[in-house]
N, C-alpha and C. Protein backbone atom coordinates (compact mmCIF):
# COMPACT_ATOMS: atom_id res chain seq x y z
N GLN A 1 -41.40 0.13 116.87
CA GLN A 1 -41.88 -0.48 118.08
C GLN A 1 -41.19 0.10 119.31
N ASN A 2 -39.96 0.59 119.18
CA ASN A 2 -39.27 1.15 120.33
C ASN A 2 -39.97 2.39 120.83
N GLY A 3 -40.33 2.38 122.11
CA GLY A 3 -40.85 3.58 122.72
C GLY A 3 -39.69 4.47 123.11
N GLU A 4 -39.99 5.66 123.56
CA GLU A 4 -38.92 6.58 123.94
C GLU A 4 -38.04 5.99 125.04
N GLY A 5 -38.63 5.22 125.96
CA GLY A 5 -37.86 4.62 127.04
C GLY A 5 -36.92 3.53 126.57
N ASN A 6 -37.16 2.96 125.41
CA ASN A 6 -36.35 1.85 124.90
C ASN A 6 -35.33 2.28 123.85
N ARG A 7 -35.22 3.58 123.62
CA ARG A 7 -34.33 4.08 122.57
C ARG A 7 -32.86 3.80 122.94
N ALA A 8 -32.09 3.36 121.97
CA ALA A 8 -30.67 3.10 122.19
C ALA A 8 -29.93 4.40 122.46
N ASN A 9 -28.87 4.30 123.23
CA ASN A 9 -28.04 5.46 123.53
C ASN A 9 -27.12 5.71 122.33
N PRO A 10 -27.25 6.87 121.67
CA PRO A 10 -26.43 7.12 120.48
C PRO A 10 -24.93 7.14 120.77
N GLU A 11 -24.54 7.42 122.01
CA GLU A 11 -23.12 7.41 122.35
C GLU A 11 -22.50 6.03 122.15
N GLU A 12 -23.32 4.98 122.26
CA GLU A 12 -22.82 3.62 122.08
C GLU A 12 -22.41 3.34 120.64
N PHE A 13 -22.89 4.15 119.70
CA PHE A 13 -22.59 3.94 118.28
C PHE A 13 -21.36 4.72 117.82
N ILE A 14 -20.88 5.66 118.62
CA ILE A 14 -19.75 6.50 118.21
C ILE A 14 -18.53 5.66 117.83
N PRO A 15 -18.14 4.62 118.58
CA PRO A 15 -16.96 3.84 118.19
C PRO A 15 -17.07 3.18 116.82
N ILE A 16 -18.27 2.91 116.37
CA ILE A 16 -18.46 2.29 115.05
C ILE A 16 -17.90 3.19 113.96
N PHE A 17 -17.95 4.50 114.19
CA PHE A 17 -17.52 5.47 113.19
C PHE A 17 -16.08 5.93 113.40
N ALA A 18 -15.29 5.20 114.18
CA ALA A 18 -13.95 5.64 114.57
C ALA A 18 -13.09 6.07 113.39
N ASN A 19 -13.18 5.40 112.27
CA ASN A 19 -12.35 5.74 111.11
C ASN A 19 -13.12 6.48 110.03
N ASN A 20 -14.30 6.97 110.38
CA ASN A 20 -15.16 7.66 109.41
C ASN A 20 -15.74 8.93 110.01
N PRO A 21 -14.90 9.95 110.22
CA PRO A 21 -15.39 11.16 110.89
C PRO A 21 -16.51 11.88 110.13
N THR A 22 -16.51 11.80 108.81
CA THR A 22 -17.57 12.46 108.04
C THR A 22 -18.91 11.80 108.31
N GLU A 23 -18.91 10.47 108.32
CA GLU A 23 -20.14 9.74 108.60
C GLU A 23 -20.57 9.93 110.05
N LEU A 24 -19.60 9.99 110.97
CA LEU A 24 -19.92 10.23 112.37
C LEU A 24 -20.59 11.59 112.54
N LYS A 25 -20.06 12.60 111.87
CA LYS A 25 -20.64 13.94 111.93
C LYS A 25 -22.08 13.92 111.42
N THR A 26 -22.32 13.23 110.32
CA THR A 26 -23.67 13.11 109.76
C THR A 26 -24.60 12.42 110.76
N PHE A 27 -24.13 11.33 111.37
CA PHE A 27 -24.93 10.59 112.35
C PHE A 27 -25.27 11.48 113.55
N LEU A 28 -24.27 12.17 114.09
CA LEU A 28 -24.51 13.00 115.27
C LEU A 28 -25.45 14.16 114.96
N GLU A 29 -25.29 14.77 113.79
CA GLU A 29 -26.19 15.86 113.40
C GLU A 29 -27.62 15.35 113.27
N TYR A 30 -27.78 14.15 112.74
CA TYR A 30 -29.11 13.55 112.63
C TYR A 30 -29.70 13.32 114.02
N MET A 31 -28.90 12.74 114.91
CA MET A 31 -29.41 12.45 116.25
C MET A 31 -29.85 13.73 116.97
N ILE A 32 -29.07 14.78 116.84
CA ILE A 32 -29.42 16.03 117.51
C ILE A 32 -30.66 16.65 116.88
N ARG A 33 -30.75 16.56 115.57
CA ARG A 33 -31.92 17.11 114.87
C ARG A 33 -33.19 16.36 115.25
N GLU A 34 -33.11 15.04 115.31
CA GLU A 34 -34.29 14.22 115.59
C GLU A 34 -34.58 14.05 117.08
N HIS A 35 -33.53 14.14 117.90
CA HIS A 35 -33.68 13.90 119.34
C HIS A 35 -32.85 14.94 120.10
N SER A 36 -33.43 16.11 120.30
CA SER A 36 -32.68 17.19 120.95
C SER A 36 -32.28 16.85 122.38
N ASP A 37 -32.87 15.80 122.94
CA ASP A 37 -32.52 15.37 124.29
C ASP A 37 -31.40 14.32 124.29
N SER A 38 -30.64 14.26 123.20
CA SER A 38 -29.52 13.32 123.12
C SER A 38 -28.53 13.61 124.25
N PRO A 39 -27.77 12.60 124.67
CA PRO A 39 -26.80 12.78 125.76
C PRO A 39 -25.76 13.85 125.43
N GLN A 40 -25.21 14.46 126.46
CA GLN A 40 -24.21 15.52 126.29
C GLN A 40 -23.02 15.05 125.45
N GLY A 41 -22.65 13.78 125.57
CA GLY A 41 -21.52 13.26 124.80
C GLY A 41 -21.72 13.37 123.30
N VAL A 42 -22.96 13.30 122.84
CA VAL A 42 -23.27 13.46 121.42
C VAL A 42 -22.93 14.88 120.98
N TYR A 43 -23.37 15.85 121.77
CA TYR A 43 -23.10 17.26 121.47
C TYR A 43 -21.60 17.55 121.55
N ASP A 44 -20.94 17.02 122.57
CA ASP A 44 -19.51 17.25 122.74
C ASP A 44 -18.70 16.69 121.58
N THR A 45 -19.04 15.47 121.16
CA THR A 45 -18.32 14.84 120.06
C THR A 45 -18.53 15.60 118.76
N LEU A 46 -19.75 16.06 118.51
CA LEU A 46 -20.02 16.84 117.31
C LEU A 46 -19.23 18.14 117.34
N LEU A 47 -19.17 18.80 118.48
CA LEU A 47 -18.39 20.03 118.59
C LEU A 47 -16.92 19.76 118.30
N GLU A 48 -16.38 18.68 118.85
CA GLU A 48 -14.98 18.32 118.59
C GLU A 48 -14.73 18.11 117.10
N LEU A 49 -15.63 17.40 116.43
CA LEU A 49 -15.47 17.17 114.99
C LEU A 49 -15.51 18.48 114.21
N ARG A 50 -16.44 19.35 114.57
CA ARG A 50 -16.56 20.63 113.87
C ARG A 50 -15.32 21.49 114.10
N LEU A 51 -14.79 21.48 115.31
CA LEU A 51 -13.58 22.26 115.59
C LEU A 51 -12.37 21.69 114.86
N GLN A 52 -12.29 20.37 114.75
CA GLN A 52 -11.19 19.76 114.00
C GLN A 52 -11.26 20.15 112.53
N ASN A 53 -12.46 20.11 111.96
CA ASN A 53 -12.63 20.51 110.56
C ASN A 53 -12.21 21.96 110.38
N TRP A 54 -12.63 22.81 111.30
CA TRP A 54 -12.30 24.23 111.23
C TRP A 54 -10.79 24.44 111.32
N ALA A 55 -10.13 23.76 112.25
CA ALA A 55 -8.70 23.94 112.48
C ALA A 55 -7.86 23.51 111.28
N HIS A 56 -8.35 22.53 110.51
CA HIS A 56 -7.57 22.00 109.39
C HIS A 56 -7.92 22.63 108.05
N GLU A 57 -8.92 23.47 108.02
CA GLU A 57 -9.36 24.09 106.76
C GLU A 57 -8.46 25.27 106.41
N MET A 58 -8.07 25.37 105.14
CA MET A 58 -7.21 26.46 104.69
C MET A 58 -7.99 27.56 103.95
N ASP A 59 -9.07 27.20 103.29
CA ASP A 59 -9.86 28.16 102.53
C ASP A 59 -10.59 29.09 103.51
N PRO A 60 -10.34 30.41 103.44
CA PRO A 60 -10.96 31.34 104.41
C PRO A 60 -12.49 31.33 104.40
N GLN A 61 -13.09 31.20 103.22
CA GLN A 61 -14.56 31.19 103.16
C GLN A 61 -15.13 29.93 103.81
N VAL A 62 -14.53 28.80 103.50
CA VAL A 62 -14.98 27.54 104.10
C VAL A 62 -14.72 27.58 105.60
N LYS A 63 -13.57 28.11 105.99
CA LYS A 63 -13.23 28.19 107.41
C LYS A 63 -14.25 29.04 108.16
N SER A 64 -14.70 30.13 107.55
CA SER A 64 -15.71 30.98 108.17
C SER A 64 -17.02 30.22 108.37
N GLN A 65 -17.42 29.44 107.36
CA GLN A 65 -18.65 28.65 107.48
C GLN A 65 -18.51 27.58 108.56
N LEU A 66 -17.36 26.93 108.61
CA LEU A 66 -17.13 25.91 109.63
C LEU A 66 -17.15 26.52 111.03
N HIS A 67 -16.62 27.73 111.15
CA HIS A 67 -16.67 28.45 112.43
C HIS A 67 -18.11 28.67 112.85
N ASP A 68 -18.93 29.15 111.91
CA ASP A 68 -20.34 29.39 112.20
C ASP A 68 -21.05 28.10 112.60
N ASP A 69 -20.72 27.00 111.91
CA ASP A 69 -21.32 25.70 112.24
C ASP A 69 -20.93 25.27 113.65
N ALA A 70 -19.67 25.50 114.02
CA ALA A 70 -19.18 25.04 115.32
C ALA A 70 -19.85 25.78 116.47
N ILE A 71 -20.17 27.04 116.27
CA ILE A 71 -20.76 27.80 117.38
C ILE A 71 -22.28 27.80 117.37
N SER A 72 -22.86 27.13 116.38
CA SER A 72 -24.33 27.10 116.33
C SER A 72 -24.90 25.99 117.19
């Protein structure tokens, strides 16, 4: 029933995922995939999560993939 004008702001949901970065990343990726006009904060938060994952990864192959994800 929600029209485009009535859609909730996805940034309002970010605090719900405060202790669940994996689920937050999944949520943000979904929002961007389904609604490319999501607020800039959604994109910024997803980039931060991807960069954190990249910075903490030790496996070079996984780190390379995370790098590619972060810049895509």
